[in-house]
Amino acid sequence: MFVRTASERDLDAIRALLVETWHATYDSIYGAGKVAEITDEWHSVAALQRRLIEPNSDFLVADDGTRLGGMAFAQAEPDGKTVMLRQLYVSPAMQGRGIGGMLLDEIVESFPDATLFRLEVEEANQKAIAFYRSQRFHEAGRTANCGAEGSGIPALVFERANLPFD
């Protein structure tokens, strides 16, 4: 697997990866119908296309030349000091192989002026929480609207300082 910048030609594969990952992760939490509703809205090709042109952002995929193993999207605040990791997903079949760490490392390197990385994670997603803790993130709060204003989806907020020699 290698990490590279996502492009227009990747959008269908990214959407498929997100739909598969969301159903595998969240069907037992929200139900398959709600997950389908969320992925249709948040992970449509049009929504992903908008991410390609977001200012102060980086949209990455992990690719082995045949298939995508993961994706990540992060966006810096206007001052460049705080970066919100909005998405980091690894295909269920590819989890546990270091792909998430590779994507996260590349995101961190993409924002050299950042002093803080922040993300939101579903409290019931213990696998993701364990991953982020292993990457030196710590719980810093909660939100009632994970992913989008008005979503009504509660989540934990995790943060990690970007210290020299990280």
C-alpha atoms as a PDB file:
ATOM      1  CA  MET A   1       0.000   0.000   0.000  1.00  0.00           C
ATOM      2  CA  PHE A   2       1.127   3.512  -0.718  1.00  0.00           C
ATOM      3  CA  VAL A   3      -0.556   6.765   0.223  1.00  0.00           C
ATOM      4  CA  ARG A   4      -1.319   9.348  -2.426  1.00  0.00           C
ATOM      5  CA  THR A   5      -3.588  12.314  -3.049  1.00  0.00           C
ATOM      6  CA  ALA A   6      -7.136  11.366  -4.024  1.00  0.00           C
ATOM      7  CA  SER A   7      -8.388  12.380  -7.447  1.00  0.00           C
ATOM      8  CA  GLU A   8     -11.639  12.539  -9.351  1.00  0.00           C
ATOM      9  CA  ARG A   9     -11.061   9.043 -10.751  1.00  0.00           C
ATOM     10  CA  ASP A  10     -11.005   7.614  -7.191  1.00  0.00           C
ATOM     11  CA  LEU A  11     -14.407   8.907  -6.096  1.00  0.00           C
ATOM     12  CA  ASP A  12     -16.504   5.837  -6.957  1.00  0.00           C
ATOM     13  CA  ALA A  13     -14.017   3.550  -5.182  1.00  0.00           C
ATOM     14  CA  ILE A  14     -13.857   5.889  -2.166  1.00  0.00           C
ATOM     15  CA  ARG A  15     -17.639   5.918  -1.944  1.00  0.00           C
ATOM     16  CA  ALA A  16     -17.746   2.104  -2.118  1.00  0.00           C
ATOM     17  CA  LEU A  17     -15.096   1.865   0.610  1.00  0.00           C
ATOM     18  CA  LEU A  18     -17.022   4.290   2.828  1.00  0.00           C
ATOM     19  CA  VAL A  19     -20.354   2.511   2.326  1.00  0.00           C
ATOM     20  CA  GLU A  20     -18.784  -0.884   3.106  1.00  0.00           C
ATOM     21  CA  THR A  21     -16.908   0.419   6.140  1.00  0.00           C
ATOM     22  CA  TRP A  22     -19.862   2.330   7.530  1.00  0.00           C
ATOM     23  CA  HIS A  23     -22.186  -0.655   7.250  1.00  0.00           C
ATOM     24  CA  ALA A  24     -19.595  -2.965   8.851  1.00  0.00           C
ATOM     25  CA  THR A  25     -18.988  -0.498  11.692  1.00  0.00           C
ATOM     26  CA  TYR A  26     -22.295   1.222  12.335  1.00  0.00           C
ATOM     27  CA  ASP A  27     -25.178  -1.082  11.331  1.00  0.00           C
ATOM     28  CA  SER A  28     -25.200  -2.586  14.828  1.00  0.00           C
ATOM     29  CA  ILE A  29     -25.237   0.913  16.376  1.00  0.00           C
ATOM     30  CA  TYR A  30     -27.616   2.896  14.144  1.00  0.00           C
ATOM     31  CA  GLY A  31     -29.282   0.226  12.002  1.00  0.00           C
ATOM     32  CA  ALA A  32     -28.700  -0.447   8.303  1.00  0.00           C
ATOM     33  CA  GLY A  33     -31.387   2.032   7.190  1.00  0.00           C
ATOM     34  CA  LYS A  34     -29.887   4.973   9.075  1.00  0.00           C
ATOM     35  CA  VAL A  35     -26.380   4.037   7.873  1.00  0.00           C
ATOM     36  CA  ALA A  36     -27.610   3.951   4.261  1.00  0.00           C
ATOM     37  CA  GLU A  37     -29.246   7.354   4.753  1.00  0.00           C
ATOM     38  CA  ILE A  38     -26.037   8.843   6.196  1.00  0.00           C
ATOM     39  CA  THR A  39     -23.758   7.355   3.540  1.00  0.00           C
ATOM     40  CA  ASP A  40     -26.085   8.510   0.756  1.00  0.00           C
ATOM     41  CA  GLU A  41     -25.842  12.065   2.073  1.00  0.00           C
ATOM     42  CA  TRP A  42     -22.317  12.344   3.483  1.00  0.00           C
ATOM     43  CA  HIS A  43     -20.527   9.965   1.105  1.00  0.00           C
ATOM     44  CA  SER A  44     -22.175  10.622  -2.217  1.00  0.00           C
ATOM     45  CA  VAL A  45     -19.840  11.157  -5.144  1.00  0.00           C
ATOM     46  CA  ALA A  46     -20.970  14.810  -5.219  1.00  0.00           C
ATOM     47  CA  ALA A  47     -20.111  15.280  -1.525  1.00  0.00           C
ATOM     48  CA  LEU A  48     -16.714  13.637  -2.039  1.00  0.00           C
ATOM     49  CA  GLN A  49     -16.118  15.765  -5.121  1.00  0.00           C
ATOM     50  CA  ARG A  50     -16.577  18.907  -3.017  1.00  0.00           C
ATOM     51  CA  ARG A  51     -13.876  17.649  -0.657  1.00  0.00           C
ATOM     52  CA  LEU A  52     -11.377  17.528  -3.501  1.00  0.00           C
ATOM     53  CA  ILE A  53     -11.510  21.324  -3.774  1.00  0.00           C
ATOM     54  CA  GLU A  54     -11.900  22.316  -0.113  1.00  0.00           C
ATOM     55  CA  PRO A  55      -9.319  24.973   0.843  1.00  0.00           C
ATOM     56  CA  ASN A  56      -6.665  24.139   3.448  1.00  0.00           C
ATOM     57  CA  SER A  57      -7.330  20.413   3.148  1.00  0.00           C
ATOM     58  CA  ASP A  58      -5.780  17.121   2.179  1.00  0.00           C
ATOM     59  CA  PHE A  59      -7.717  14.167   0.748  1.00  0.00           C
ATOM     60  CA  LEU A  60      -5.711  10.929   0.647  1.00  0.00           C
ATOM     61  CA  VAL A  61      -6.142   7.307  -0.346  1.00  0.00           C
ATOM     62  CA  ALA A  62      -4.119   4.193   0.449  1.00  0.00           C
ATOM     63  CA  ASP A  63      -3.710   2.293  -2.808  1.00  0.00           C
ATOM     64  CA  ASP A  64      -2.015  -0.972  -3.755  1.00  0.00           C
ATOM     65  CA  GLY A  65      -2.415  -0.418  -7.497  1.00  0.00           C
ATOM     66  CA  THR A  66      -5.461  -2.683  -7.626  1.00  0.00           C
ATOM     67  CA  ARG A  67      -7.775  -1.425  -4.910  1.00  0.00           C
ATOM     68  CA  LEU A  68      -8.111   1.241  -2.252  1.00  0.00           C
ATOM     69  CA  GLY A  69      -7.423   0.067   1.270  1.00  0.00           C
ATOM     70  CA  GLY A  70      -8.311   3.304   3.036  1.00  0.00           C
ATOM     71  CA  MET A  71      -8.940   7.016   2.815  1.00  0.00           C
ATOM     72  CA  ALA A  72      -8.471  10.126   4.922  1.00  0.00           C
ATOM     73  CA  PHE A  73      -9.620  13.716   4.713  1.00  0.00           C
ATOM     74  CA  ALA A  74      -8.508  16.571   6.964  1.00  0.00           C
ATOM     75  CA  GLN A  75      -8.958  20.314   6.905  1.00  0.00           C
ATOM     76  CA  ALA A  76      -7.051  23.066   8.698  1.00  0.00           C
ATOM     77  CA  GLU A  77      -8.665  26.045  10.350  1.00  0.00           C
ATOM     78  CA  PRO A  78      -7.834  29.320   8.532  1.00  0.00           C
ATOM     79  CA  ASP A  79      -4.860  30.000  10.837  1.00  0.00           C
ATOM     80  CA  GLY A  80      -3.400  26.576   9.997  1.00  0.00           C
ATOM     81  CA  LYS A  81      -2.807  25.711  13.652  1.00  0.00           C
ATOM     82  CA  THR A  82      -5.746  23.357  14.255  1.00  0.00           C
ATOM     83  CA  VAL A  83      -6.553  20.523  11.862  1.00  0.00           C
ATOM     84  CA  MET A  84      -9.794  18.570  11.937  1.00  0.00           C
ATOM     85  CA  LEU A  85      -9.453  14.966  10.799  1.00  0.00           C
ATOM     86  CA  ARG A  86     -12.888  14.610   9.236  1.00  0.00           C
ATOM     87  CA  GLN A  87     -12.504  11.096   7.850  1.00  0.00           C
ATOM     88  CA  LEU A  88     -10.111   8.203   8.265  1.00  0.00           C
ATOM     89  CA  TYR A  89     -11.486   4.846   7.169  1.00  0.00           C
ATOM     90  CA  VAL A  90      -9.832   1.549   6.304  1.00  0.00           C
ATOM     91  CA  SER A  91     -11.614  -1.224   4.434  1.00  0.00           C
ATOM     92  CA  PRO A  92     -12.744  -3.902   6.916  1.00  0.00           C
ATOM     93  CA  ALA A  93     -10.730  -6.552   5.041  1.00  0.00           C
ATOM     94  CA  MET A  94      -7.587  -4.411   5.290  1.00  0.00           C
ATOM     95  CA  GLN A  95      -7.784  -3.324   8.944  1.00  0.00           C
ATOM     96  CA  GLY A  96      -4.920  -4.203  11.261  1.00  0.00           C
ATOM     97  CA  ARG A  97      -2.233  -3.846   8.574  1.00  0.00           C
ATOM     98  CA  GLY A  98      -0.967  -0.361   9.425  1.00  0.00           C
ATOM     99  CA  ILE A  99      -2.947   1.462   6.733  1.00  0.00           C
ATOM    100  CA  GLY A 100      -4.686   3.770   9.210  1.00  0.00           C
ATOM    101  CA  GLY A 101      -1.332   4.735  10.717  1.00  0.00           C
ATOM    102  CA  MET A 102       0.127   5.417   7.270  1.00  0.00           C
ATOM    103  CA  LEU A 103      -2.796   7.661   6.372  1.00  0.00           C
ATOM    104  CA  LEU A 104      -2.626   9.495   9.697  1.00  0.00           C
ATOM    105  CA  ASP A 105       1.138  10.017   9.404  1.00  0.00           C
ATOM    106  CA  GLU A 106       0.695  11.514   5.940  1.00  0.00           C
ATOM    107  CA  ILE A 107      -2.093  13.814   7.181  1.00  0.00           C
ATOM    108  CA  VAL A 108       0.168  15.066   9.991  1.00  0.00           C
ATOM    109  CA  GLU A 109       3.004  15.678   7.525  1.00  0.00           C
ATOM    110  CA  SER A 110       0.625  17.556   5.222  1.00  0.00           C
ATOM    111  CA  PHE A 111       0.006  20.232   7.856  1.00  0.00           C
ATOM    112  CA  PRO A 112       3.476  21.212   9.138  1.00  0.00           C
ATOM    113  CA  ASP A 113       2.230  24.396  10.860  1.00  0.00           C
ATOM    114  CA  ALA A 114      -0.466  22.594  12.826  1.00  0.00           C
ATOM    115  CA  THR A 115      -0.156  22.482  16.595  1.00  0.00           C
ATOM    116  CA  LEU A 116      -3.340  20.492  17.262  1.00  0.00           C
ATOM    117  CA  PHE A 117      -5.139  17.649  15.495  1.00  0.00           C
ATOM    118  CA  ARG A 118      -8.780  17.030  16.412  1.00  0.00           C
ATOM    119  CA  LEU A 119     -11.344  14.378  15.445  1.00  0.00           C
ATOM    120  CA  GLU A 120     -14.767  13.061  16.407  1.00  0.00           C
ATOM    121  CA  VAL A 121     -15.440   9.369  17.047  1.00  0.00           C
ATOM    122  CA  GLU A 122     -18.578   7.413  17.885  1.00  0.00           C
ATOM    123  CA  GLU A 123     -18.381   6.354  21.542  1.00  0.00           C
ATOM    124  CA  ALA A 124     -19.453   2.794  20.709  1.00  0.00           C
ATOM    125  CA  ASN A 125     -16.689   2.429  18.092  1.00  0.00           C
ATOM    126  CA  GLN A 126     -14.174   0.915  20.485  1.00  0.00           C
ATOM    127  CA  LYS A 127     -11.907  -0.266  17.669  1.00  0.00           C
ATOM    128  CA  ALA A 128     -11.461   3.303  16.408  1.00  0.00           C
ATOM    129  CA  ILE A 129     -11.009   4.660  19.928  1.00  0.00           C
ATOM    130  CA  ALA A 130      -8.261   2.106  20.602  1.00  0.00           C
ATOM    131  CA  PHE A 131      -6.568   3.072  17.316  1.00  0.00           C
ATOM    132  CA  TYR A 132      -6.634   6.796  18.095  1.00  0.00           C
ATOM    133  CA  ARG A 133      -5.375   6.232  21.644  1.00  0.00           C
ATOM    134  CA  SER A 134      -2.487   4.203  20.180  1.00  0.00           C
ATOM    135  CA  GLN A 135      -1.722   7.244  18.003  1.00  0.00           C
ATOM    136  CA  ARG A 136      -1.418   9.516  21.106  1.00  0.00           C
ATOM    137  CA  PHE A 137      -4.875  11.093  20.872  1.00  0.00           C
ATOM    138  CA  HIS A 138      -6.764  11.703  24.097  1.00  0.00           C
ATOM    139  CA  GLU A 139     -10.399  12.411  24.857  1.00  0.00           C
ATOM    140  CA  ALA A 140     -10.975  16.160  25.048  1.00  0.00           C
ATOM    141  CA  GLY A 141     -14.762  16.484  25.102  1.00  0.00           C
ATOM    142  CA  ARG A 142     -18.017  15.568  23.427  1.00  0.00           C
ATOM    143  CA  THR A 143     -20.217  16.830  20.619  1.00  0.00           C
ATOM    144  CA  ALA A 144     -23.923  16.355  20.021  1.00  0.00           C
ATOM    145  CA  ASN A 145     -23.519  16.745  16.248  1.00  0.00           C
ATOM    146  CA  CYS A 146     -20.813  14.484  14.893  1.00  0.00           C
ATOM    147  CA  GLY A 147     -19.895  15.018  11.269  1.00  0.00           C
ATOM    148  CA  ALA A 148     -22.322  17.819  10.466  1.00  0.00           C
ATOM    149  CA  GLU A 149     -24.172  20.587  12.239  1.00  0.00           C
ATOM    150  CA  GLY A 150     -27.592  19.304  13.229  1.00  0.00           C
ATOM    151  CA  SER A 151     -26.721  15.625  12.689  1.00  0.00           C
ATOM    152  CA  GLY A 152     -27.908  14.729  16.186  1.00  0.00           C
ATOM    153  CA  ILE A 153     -25.205  12.062  16.366  1.00  0.00           C
ATOM    154  CA  PRO A 154     -23.289  12.254  19.645  1.00  0.00           C
ATOM    155  CA  ALA A 155     -19.544  11.580  19.596  1.00  0.00           C
ATOM    156  CA  LEU A 156     -16.367  11.910  21.592  1.00  0.00           C
ATOM    157  CA  VAL A 157     -13.859  14.574  20.597  1.00  0.00           C
ATOM    158  CA  PHE A 158     -10.228  13.457  20.617  1.00  0.00           C
ATOM    159  CA  GLU A 159      -7.154  15.667  20.269  1.00  0.00           C
ATOM    160  CA  ARG A 160      -3.428  15.300  19.811  1.00  0.00           C
ATOM    161  CA  ALA A 161      -0.846  18.018  20.114  1.00  0.00           C
ATOM    162  CA  ASN A 162       1.607  18.164  17.244  1.00  0.00           C
ATOM    163  CA  LEU A 163       4.819  18.444  19.175  1.00  0.00           C
ATOM    164  CA  PRO A 164       8.347  18.726  17.809  1.00  0.00           C
ATOM    165  CA  PHE A 165       9.870  15.280  17.231  1.00  0.00           C
ATOM    166  CA  ASP A 166       6.404  13.708  16.772  1.00  0.00           C
END
